[in-house]
Amino acid sequence: MARLGTPVRFAFVLTVGVVAGLSLSLGRPVQAERKVEPEPNSQSVADTTVTAPVPWKDAKLLAEVLEHVRREYVERISDQELIEAAIRGMIADLDPHSAFLDPEQFDEIRISTTGEYSGVGIEVALENGVVKVVNPIEDTPAFRAGVLAGDRILAVDDVPVDAENLNDTIDRMRGRVGTPVKISIARGPDPKPMEFTLARAAVQVHSVTQNLLEPGLGYVKISHFSETTTPDLERAIAKLKKTSGGALRGLVLDLRNNPGGVLEAAVDVSDVFLDGGLIVTANGRAPDAQFSMDAQPGDDLNGAPLIVLVNGGSASASEIVAGALQDHHRARLVGSQTYGKGSVQTVMALSDGHAIKLTTSKYFTPSGASIHQRGIKPDVAVEETKDGDDRALHVALDLLKNPGTIRQSSAD
C-alpha cells in the first residue's frame, strides 16, 4: 500500500456528508487523490510539459487587480489573504474536485489516507442542532470511559458546542497523544451533565464492517477507501469464514454511499476477488499520471458468487472496484446507477504547509470505458425505498441462494 510521503492517488468525491457522519472520528473530507511531497529544486508537474513563463501581460493584469483590491476594497485585506484567495480561485475554477488546501485541510487528507488520528474516538452526527454520539469506536478512550451511542455532547474543555461551527468542536477533541480533554455530555432525559476527562490516544478509523447473513453467506460494507481498507477486508472475510465454519458460499459487498478514497486501496480491494487481469488504467499529461494496474493470482472467495451493492452515492474509487468486478464478470451489480466520477486527483504538498489537490488523470475500467458523468449501470436495478426495507440487500441474498443465475468466469 502507498504511504504518505510517497505518491498516493485518490479517487473520491469530497462530500459534506462524511463530515456530518464521522467528523470526530475521520476528520472532515474523504477524497480520491495522490499526494506528492515537495522536493528541493524540483519542477512542478506542469513544468514537465510547459516550460514557458507566465506571459508578462497576464502577470501584469493579476498585479493590477491585486493592487486595486489592496487600495480600494472596503475592508483592509492582508497580502497573504489576497494571494491565497487568488490561488484558491484559480484551482477551484479548474473543476469541482481540484482545491487549494490550508494546513488543517491537508491534515484531514492525511487522516483520510492513513485512517488514523489522535483524539478520543467518537463518531458523531448533527441532528436537529444537537451533536450526538453515533458510536464510540471500540478500544478508544471514549469507549473505555463509558461514552454511549445517543449521548449528546454539550461542551469540550468547558467550551459549549456550537452546532454552526462543528469543526471547532472537532479541533478541540483532537490533540497530541496523552494530553487530557474534558467532555461534557447529557444522557437520556437526565438534564444533569456528565463529565469525562479523557487522555487522547492514537485512534484507528476502520472502514470495513461485516456480518453473516446466513450460514455460508456473508455481508461486508466498505464506507470509504484508506490504507487500512484491504487488510480490514481480508480480516473481515476470515472472520466470516470462521463464524460460518468453513468457506463462504457467497458474499455481498456493499459500496453504497461510499464516496471513494485512496486509489491503490480500490485496486487492492478489487484484487482480493480477482485472480488476474487488468483492474484500471489512467491517462494524464504527466508521466506518472499514466498507469495501469493488474490483479495478482489469488481470489479470497475461491470463485464463490459475489454481489456488489451500488447506488448514486457510490463514487470514484467505489466505481473502480465495481467497474473492474463487472467487466471481468466476477460480480453482479445490484442497486442503482453510480455517481460517475472518472478522474483521479493528486495531493501535492507545498513548502509552507499548504497543498493543492489537482486533477491529474482520467481513469478507465478494464473494458476501456470512461464512467465520468455517466456512472455504471447495475446488472439488476433496484430502486431504494424510504420505508426502511433494504430491497437491494434482499435481492442480493436471493441471487446468492441461486448461484446459477450469476455469471461467473475467471478474470480476463
Protein backbone atom coordinates (compact mmCIF):
# COMPACT_ATOMS: atom_id res chain seq x y z
CA MET A 1 0.00 0.00 0.00
CA ALA A 2 1.14 3.56 -0.65
CA ARG A 3 2.06 5.67 2.38
CA LEU A 4 2.12 9.38 2.98
CA GLY A 5 5.42 10.74 1.85
CA THR A 6 5.18 8.74 -1.37
CA PRO A 7 2.80 9.38 -4.25
CA VAL A 8 -0.73 8.49 -3.15
CA ARG A 9 -3.52 8.59 -5.70
CA PHE A 10 -7.04 9.26 -4.55
CA ALA A 11 -10.32 8.60 -6.25
CA PHE A 12 -13.20 10.07 -4.31
CA VAL A 13 -15.82 12.74 -4.11
CA LEU A 14 -15.41 15.42 -1.47
CA THR A 15 -18.69 15.39 0.43
CA VAL A 16 -20.09 17.23 3.41
CA GLY A 17 -21.95 14.07 4.32
CA VAL A 18 -18.75 12.45 5.51
CA VAL A 19 -18.17 15.38 7.82
CA ALA A 20 -21.60 15.15 9.40
CA GLY A 21 -21.43 11.44 9.97
CA LEU A 22 -17.84 10.87 11.01
CA SER A 23 -16.46 14.27 11.83
CA LEU A 24 -14.97 13.50 15.20
CA SER A 25 -13.51 10.20 14.11
CA LEU A 26 -12.48 10.57 10.49
CA GLY A 27 -11.92 14.23 10.14
CA ARG A 28 -13.58 16.33 7.50
CA PRO A 29 -13.40 15.14 3.88
CA VAL A 30 -12.52 11.91 2.16
CA GLN A 31 -11.24 12.03 -1.43
CA ALA A 32 -9.56 10.27 -4.30
CA GLU A 33 -6.14 11.63 -4.80
CA ARG A 34 -2.42 11.18 -4.95
CA LYS A 35 -0.12 13.00 -2.52
CA VAL A 36 3.34 14.19 -3.53
CA GLU A 37 5.87 15.67 -1.13
CA PRO A 38 7.82 18.71 -2.38
CA GLU A 39 11.38 18.08 -3.49
CA PRO A 40 14.11 20.75 -3.33
CA ASN A 41 14.61 22.45 -6.66
CA SER A 42 12.19 20.05 -8.32
CA GLN A 43 9.98 21.01 -11.21
CA SER A 44 6.24 21.01 -10.82
CA VAL A 45 4.02 18.65 -12.79
CA ALA A 46 3.22 21.46 -15.18
CA ASP A 47 6.96 22.06 -15.76
CA THR A 48 7.29 18.64 -17.41
CA THR A 49 5.13 19.77 -20.29
CA VAL A 50 5.03 23.57 -20.18
CA THR A 51 8.29 25.44 -19.61
CA ALA A 52 7.34 28.89 -20.82
CA PRO A 53 6.88 31.53 -18.10
CA VAL A 54 3.54 33.23 -17.49
CA PRO A 55 3.09 35.92 -20.18
CA TRP A 56 4.02 39.31 -18.72
CA LYS A 57 0.67 40.80 -19.77
CA ASP A 58 -1.18 38.20 -17.69
CA ALA A 59 1.13 38.70 -14.73
CA LYS A 60 0.63 42.45 -15.04
CA LEU A 61 -3.17 42.01 -15.07
CA LEU A 62 -3.05 39.94 -11.89
CA ALA A 63 -0.82 42.50 -10.18
CA GLU A 64 -3.13 45.29 -11.32
CA VAL A 65 -6.19 43.59 -9.82
CA LEU A 66 -4.38 42.88 -6.56
CA GLU A 67 -3.33 46.50 -6.26
CA HIS A 68 -6.89 47.76 -6.81
CA VAL A 69 -8.16 45.45 -4.09
CA ARG A 70 -5.38 46.46 -1.69
CA ARG A 71 -6.09 50.17 -2.09
CA GLU A 72 -9.83 50.39 -2.68
CA TYR A 73 -11.65 47.40 -1.19
CA VAL A 74 -13.94 48.49 1.64
CA GLU A 75 -12.01 46.45 4.23
CA ARG A 76 -8.28 46.02 4.65
CA ILE A 77 -7.11 42.62 3.40
CA SER A 78 -3.58 41.37 4.02
CA ASP A 79 -1.35 40.48 1.09
CA GLN A 80 -1.24 36.86 2.30
CA GLU A 81 -5.03 36.63 2.30
CA LEU A 82 -5.20 38.11 -1.20
CA ILE A 83 -2.62 35.75 -2.61
CA GLU A 84 -4.26 32.72 -1.01
CA ALA A 85 -7.65 33.81 -2.32
CA ALA A 86 -6.20 34.19 -5.82
CA ILE A 87 -4.68 30.71 -5.68
CA ARG A 88 -7.86 29.21 -4.26
CA GLY A 89 -9.95 30.75 -7.02
CA MET A 90 -7.53 29.63 -9.73
CA ILE A 91 -7.54 26.00 -8.59
CA ALA A 92 -11.27 25.85 -7.82
CA ASP A 93 -12.10 27.19 -11.27
CA LEU A 94 -10.47 24.19 -12.94
CA ASP A 95 -13.06 21.59 -11.89
CA PRO A 96 -15.19 20.67 -8.86
CA HIS A 97 -12.56 18.27 -7.50
CA SER A 98 -9.42 20.43 -7.50
CA ALA A 99 -8.73 22.65 -4.49
CA PHE A 100 -6.16 24.72 -2.58
CA LEU A 101 -5.80 23.21 0.89
CA ASP A 102 -4.77 25.01 4.05
CA PRO A 103 -2.60 23.10 6.58
CA GLU A 104 -5.68 21.91 8.52
CA GLN A 105 -7.38 20.62 5.38
CA PHE A 106 -4.13 18.98 4.32
CA ASP A 107 -4.02 17.19 7.68
CA GLU A 108 -7.54 15.92 7.06
CA ILE A 109 -6.31 14.39 3.82
CA ARG A 110 -3.62 12.60 5.80
CA ILE A 111 -6.25 11.25 8.20
CA SER A 112 -8.43 10.13 5.30
CA THR A 113 -5.47 8.37 3.74
CA THR A 114 -3.98 6.63 6.77
CA GLY A 115 -7.19 6.05 8.72
CA GLU A 116 -5.52 7.27 11.91
CA TYR A 117 -5.71 10.41 14.04
CA SER A 118 -5.08 11.48 17.62
CA GLY A 119 -8.24 12.05 19.66
CA VAL A 120 -10.82 10.30 21.82
CA GLY A 121 -12.57 8.01 19.32
CA ILE A 122 -16.13 9.22 18.87
CA GLU A 123 -18.27 9.15 15.74
CA VAL A 124 -20.90 11.88 15.82
CA ALA A 125 -23.82 13.20 13.82
CA LEU A 126 -25.56 16.57 13.86
CA GLU A 127 -29.29 16.03 14.42
CA ASN A 128 -31.68 18.96 14.74
CA GLY A 129 -28.96 21.23 16.04
CA VAL A 130 -27.69 18.67 18.56
CA VAL A 131 -24.34 16.89 18.32
CA LYS A 132 -24.99 13.24 19.13
CA VAL A 133 -22.65 10.31 19.58
CA VAL A 134 -23.31 7.77 16.84
CA ASN A 135 -20.78 5.28 18.10
CA PRO A 136 -17.74 5.25 20.38
CA ILE A 137 -15.01 3.46 18.45
CA GLU A 138 -14.03 0.22 20.14
CA ASP A 139 -10.88 0.25 22.31
CA THR A 140 -10.54 4.05 22.36
CA PRO A 141 -10.53 6.48 25.33
CA ALA A 142 -14.22 7.31 24.85
CA PHE A 143 -15.21 3.64 24.59
CA ARG A 144 -13.27 2.66 27.70
CA ALA A 145 -14.66 5.61 29.68
CA GLY A 146 -18.24 4.55 29.00
CA VAL A 147 -19.42 7.10 26.43
CA LEU A 148 -22.50 5.63 24.75
CA ALA A 149 -24.24 5.94 21.42
CA GLY A 150 -27.01 8.53 21.72
CA ASP A 151 -25.15 10.71 24.24
CA ARG A 152 -25.39 14.42 23.48
CA ILE A 153 -22.12 16.37 23.52
CA LEU A 154 -22.60 19.69 25.33
CA ALA A 155 -19.08 21.08 25.70
CA VAL A 156 -15.41 20.33 25.14
CA ASP A 157 -12.99 21.73 27.72
CA ASP A 158 -15.87 23.85 29.08
CA VAL A 159 -16.43 25.47 25.67
CA PRO A 160 -20.08 24.90 24.61
CA VAL A 161 -20.59 23.03 21.35
CA ASP A 162 -21.60 25.33 18.52
CA ALA A 163 -23.69 23.42 16.00
CA GLU A 164 -22.93 26.13 13.45
CA ASN A 165 -19.19 25.54 13.83
CA LEU A 166 -18.74 21.81 14.28
CA ASN A 167 -15.15 21.99 13.06
CA ASP A 168 -14.22 23.93 16.19
CA THR A 169 -15.50 21.04 18.31
CA ILE A 170 -13.57 18.61 16.14
CA ASP A 171 -10.35 20.55 16.64
CA ARG A 172 -10.86 20.67 20.41
CA MET A 173 -11.32 16.91 20.56
CA ARG A 174 -8.05 16.40 18.74
CA GLY A 175 -4.57 16.91 20.13
CA ARG A 176 -1.29 15.27 20.98
CA VAL A 177 -1.35 11.71 22.26
CA GLY A 178 -1.52 11.62 26.05
CA THR A 179 -2.91 15.13 26.54
CA PRO A 180 -6.18 15.46 28.50
CA VAL A 181 -9.53 16.74 27.25
CA LYS A 182 -12.77 17.17 29.18
CA ILE A 183 -16.08 16.32 27.50
CA SER A 184 -19.47 17.24 28.95
CA ILE A 185 -22.41 15.13 27.77
CA ALA A 186 -26.10 14.64 28.51
CA ARG A 187 -27.62 11.17 28.55
CA GLY A 188 -31.27 10.32 28.11
CA PRO A 189 -33.79 12.56 29.84
CA ASP A 190 -31.38 13.45 32.69
CA PRO A 191 -30.61 17.19 32.35
CA LYS A 192 -27.58 16.94 34.64
CA PRO A 193 -24.36 16.88 32.55
CA MET A 194 -21.87 14.05 32.86
CA GLU A 195 -18.20 14.91 32.57
CA PHE A 196 -15.45 12.68 31.19
CA THR A 197 -11.78 13.60 31.33
CA LEU A 198 -10.03 11.55 28.67
CA ALA A 199 -6.42 11.16 27.59
CA ARG A 200 -6.12 11.48 23.82
CA ALA A 201 -4.72 8.46 22.01
CA ALA A 202 -3.98 7.23 18.50
CA VAL A 203 -7.32 6.16 17.01
CA GLN A 204 -7.69 3.81 14.07
CA VAL A 205 -10.69 4.50 11.87
CA HIS A 206 -11.72 1.26 10.22
CA SER A 207 -13.72 1.36 7.00
CA VAL A 208 -14.98 -2.23 6.92
CA THR A 209 -17.80 -3.93 8.82
CA GLN A 210 -19.14 -7.44 8.35
CA ASN A 211 -21.82 -9.85 9.45
CA LEU A 212 -23.14 -13.27 8.46
CA LEU A 213 -26.46 -13.14 6.62
CA GLU A 214 -26.97 -16.88 6.75
CA PRO A 215 -24.60 -19.82 7.23
CA GLY A 216 -22.09 -19.57 4.40
CA LEU A 217 -23.40 -16.24 3.09
CA GLY A 218 -21.52 -13.14 4.21
CA TYR A 219 -22.00 -9.37 4.06
CA VAL A 220 -19.22 -6.77 4.04
CA LYS A 221 -19.66 -3.00 3.89
CA ILE A 222 -16.84 -0.61 2.95
CA SER A 223 -17.57 3.00 3.97
CA HIS A 224 -14.51 4.56 2.28
CA PHE A 225 -11.09 3.54 0.96
CA SER A 226 -7.98 4.17 3.08
CA GLU A 227 -4.68 2.41 3.68
CA THR A 228 -6.33 0.10 6.22
CA THR A 229 -9.23 -0.97 3.99
CA THR A 230 -7.67 -4.01 2.30
CA PRO A 231 -6.25 -5.64 5.45
CA ASP A 232 -9.55 -4.85 7.19
CA LEU A 233 -11.42 -6.54 4.33
CA GLU A 234 -9.21 -9.62 4.46
CA ARG A 235 -9.74 -9.89 8.21
CA ALA A 236 -13.49 -9.45 7.76
CA ILE A 237 -13.66 -12.29 5.23
CA ALA A 238 -11.55 -14.51 7.50
CA LYS A 239 -13.92 -13.79 10.43
CA LEU A 240 -16.94 -14.63 8.30
CA LYS A 241 -15.36 -17.93 7.27
CA LYS A 242 -14.55 -18.76 10.89
CA THR A 243 -18.05 -17.87 12.09
CA SER A 244 -19.60 -19.87 9.27
CA GLY A 245 -17.37 -22.85 9.99
CA GLY A 246 -15.82 -23.03 6.55
CA ALA A 247 -15.55 -21.44 3.12
CA LEU A 248 -18.22 -18.92 2.14
CA ARG A 249 -20.79 -19.89 -0.47
CA GLY A 250 -21.28 -16.24 -1.43
CA LEU A 251 -20.66 -12.66 -0.36
CA VAL A 252 -22.43 -9.30 -0.61
CA LEU A 253 -20.02 -6.36 -0.94
CA ASP A 254 -21.83 -3.12 -0.05
CA LEU A 255 -20.36 0.01 -1.68
CA ARG A 256 -23.48 2.16 -1.37
CA ASN A 257 -22.83 5.78 -0.36
CA ASN A 258 -19.08 5.16 -0.45
CA PRO A 259 -17.52 8.38 -1.85
CA GLY A 260 -14.18 6.71 -2.63
CA GLY A 261 -10.70 7.27 -1.24
CA VAL A 262 -7.19 6.04 -1.95
CA LEU A 263 -6.97 4.65 -5.47
CA GLU A 264 -4.43 1.98 -4.54
CA ALA A 265 -6.85 0.71 -1.88
CA ALA A 266 -9.58 0.35 -4.50
CA VAL A 267 -7.18 -1.61 -6.71
CA ASP A 268 -6.18 -3.88 -3.82
CA VAL A 269 -9.82 -4.49 -2.86
CA SER A 270 -10.56 -5.50 -6.46
CA ASP A 271 -7.54 -7.78 -6.35
CA VAL A 272 -8.96 -9.60 -3.32
CA PHE A 273 -11.66 -11.04 -5.57
CA LEU A 274 -9.88 -11.26 -8.94
CA ASP A 275 -7.44 -13.98 -9.96
CA GLY A 276 -5.73 -11.83 -12.59
CA GLY A 277 -6.34 -9.29 -15.32
CA LEU A 278 -6.49 -5.53 -15.70
CA ILE A 279 -8.17 -3.52 -12.93
CA VAL A 280 -7.82 0.10 -14.03
CA THR A 281 -5.90 2.33 -16.43
CA ALA A 282 -5.37 6.07 -16.27
CA ASN A 283 -4.28 8.73 -18.70
CA GLY A 284 -2.89 12.18 -17.88
CA ARG A 285 -0.33 14.70 -19.10
CA ALA A 286 2.44 13.94 -16.61
CA PRO A 287 4.35 10.65 -16.95
CA ASP A 288 3.31 9.39 -13.52
CA ALA A 289 -0.32 10.21 -14.31
CA GLN A 290 -0.32 7.45 -16.94
CA PHE A 291 -0.53 4.00 -15.42
CA SER A 292 -2.29 0.64 -15.42
CA MET A 293 -2.80 -1.76 -12.52
CA ASP A 294 -3.39 -5.50 -12.69
CA ALA A 295 -4.68 -8.16 -10.32
CA GLN A 296 -2.37 -10.80 -8.91
CA PRO A 297 -3.23 -14.51 -8.69
CA GLY A 298 -5.50 -15.48 -5.83
CA ASP A 299 -9.20 -14.99 -5.03
CA ASP A 300 -10.10 -14.89 -1.33
CA LEU A 301 -13.53 -16.34 -2.12
CA ASN A 302 -12.17 -19.09 -4.39
CA GLY A 303 -14.69 -18.13 -7.06
CA ALA A 304 -17.75 -18.10 -4.81
CA PRO A 305 -20.58 -15.84 -6.09
CA LEU A 306 -20.16 -12.14 -5.35
CA ILE A 307 -22.83 -9.42 -5.38
CA VAL A 308 -21.86 -5.72 -5.23
CA LEU A 309 -24.43 -3.20 -3.96
CA VAL A 310 -24.16 0.28 -5.52
CA ASN A 311 -26.18 3.48 -5.70
CA GLY A 312 -25.83 7.14 -6.66
CA GLY A 313 -23.53 7.69 -3.68
CA SER A 314 -21.03 5.09 -4.91
CA ALA A 315 -18.31 7.23 -6.44
CA SER A 316 -14.79 7.25 -7.82
CA ALA A 317 -12.75 4.54 -6.02
CA SER A 318 -16.01 2.64 -5.44
CA GLU A 319 -16.65 2.79 -9.17
CA ILE A 320 -13.16 1.48 -9.88
CA VAL A 321 -13.98 -1.63 -7.83
CA ALA A 322 -17.49 -2.00 -9.26
CA GLY A 323 -16.27 -1.48 -12.83
CA ALA A 324 -13.44 -3.97 -12.55
CA LEU A 325 -15.58 -6.70 -11.00
CA GLN A 326 -18.38 -6.12 -13.51
CA ASP A 327 -16.11 -6.03 -16.56
CA HIS A 328 -14.47 -9.30 -15.54
CA HIS A 329 -17.87 -10.89 -14.85
CA ARG A 330 -16.66 -11.62 -11.33
CA ALA A 331 -19.65 -9.97 -9.68
CA ARG A 332 -23.16 -8.85 -10.43
CA LEU A 333 -24.01 -5.25 -9.53
CA VAL A 334 -27.32 -4.65 -7.77
CA GLY A 335 -28.91 -1.29 -6.96
CA SER A 336 -28.98 1.99 -8.87
CA GLN A 337 -26.63 3.83 -11.22
CA THR A 338 -23.39 5.04 -9.61
CA TYR A 339 -22.23 8.67 -9.27
CA GLY A 340 -19.98 8.91 -12.32
CA LYS A 341 -16.60 10.34 -11.30
CA GLY A 342 -13.87 9.09 -13.58
CA SER A 343 -10.96 11.31 -12.55
CA VAL A 344 -8.03 10.99 -10.17
CA GLN A 345 -6.67 13.79 -8.01
CA THR A 346 -3.10 14.26 -6.77
CA VAL A 347 -2.40 15.97 -3.46
CA MET A 348 0.84 17.95 -3.78
CA ALA A 349 2.41 19.34 -0.62
CA LEU A 350 3.69 22.92 -0.83
CA SER A 351 6.63 24.40 1.03
CA ASP A 352 4.63 26.38 3.64
CA GLY A 353 2.30 23.64 4.87
CA HIS A 354 -0.40 24.23 2.26
CA ALA A 355 -1.16 21.78 -0.54
CA ILE A 356 -3.05 21.61 -3.79
CA LYS A 357 -5.45 18.85 -4.77
CA LEU A 358 -5.23 18.70 -8.55
CA THR A 359 -6.99 16.52 -11.09
CA THR A 360 -4.15 14.77 -12.92
CA SER A 361 -5.68 11.71 -14.60
CA LYS A 362 -8.80 10.25 -16.09
CA TYR A 363 -9.28 6.58 -15.35
CA PHE A 364 -10.89 3.79 -17.37
CA THR A 365 -12.41 0.42 -16.46
CA PRO A 366 -10.81 -2.78 -17.83
CA SER A 367 -13.06 -2.64 -20.90
CA GLY A 368 -11.69 0.81 -21.69
CA ALA A 369 -14.86 2.64 -20.70
CA SER A 370 -14.86 6.04 -19.03
CA ILE A 371 -17.66 6.36 -16.50
CA HIS A 372 -17.15 10.11 -15.97
CA GLN A 373 -20.52 11.89 -15.69
CA ARG A 374 -22.19 8.63 -16.77
CA GLY A 375 -21.70 6.24 -13.90
CA ILE A 376 -22.05 2.48 -14.00
CA LYS A 377 -25.39 0.81 -14.60
CA PRO A 378 -26.14 -2.11 -12.28
CA ASP A 379 -26.88 -5.54 -13.71
CA VAL A 380 -30.02 -5.69 -11.59
CA ALA A 381 -31.74 -2.34 -10.99
CA VAL A 382 -33.41 -1.94 -7.60
CA GLU A 383 -34.93 1.35 -6.55
CA GLU A 384 -34.28 2.46 -2.98
CA THR A 385 -37.29 2.95 -0.74
CA LYS A 386 -37.89 5.21 2.25
CA ASP A 387 -39.72 2.62 4.32
CA GLY A 388 -36.53 1.17 5.79
CA ASP A 389 -36.80 -2.06 3.81
CA ASP A 390 -33.42 -2.82 2.20
CA ARG A 391 -34.77 -4.26 -1.06
CA ALA A 392 -31.36 -4.32 -2.74
CA LEU A 393 -29.92 -6.49 0.02
CA HIS A 394 -32.90 -8.84 -0.23
CA VAL A 395 -32.35 -9.17 -3.99
CA ALA A 396 -28.63 -9.78 -3.44
CA LEU A 397 -29.35 -12.53 -0.92
CA ASP A 398 -31.80 -14.18 -3.32
CA LEU A 399 -29.17 -14.13 -6.07
CA LEU A 400 -26.60 -15.72 -3.78
CA LYS A 401 -29.02 -18.51 -2.91
CA ASN A 402 -29.42 -19.19 -6.63
CA PRO A 403 -25.81 -19.00 -7.89
CA GLY A 404 -26.77 -20.47 -11.24
CA THR A 405 -28.28 -17.13 -12.15
CA ILE A 406 -24.96 -15.32 -11.63
CA ARG A 407 -22.46 -15.13 -14.42
CA GLN A 408 -19.04 -16.27 -13.25
CA SER A 409 -15.73 -16.56 -15.01
CA SER A 410 -12.07 -16.14 -14.34
CA ALA A 411 -10.66 -12.65 -14.79
CA ASP A 412 -9.98 -11.86 -18.41
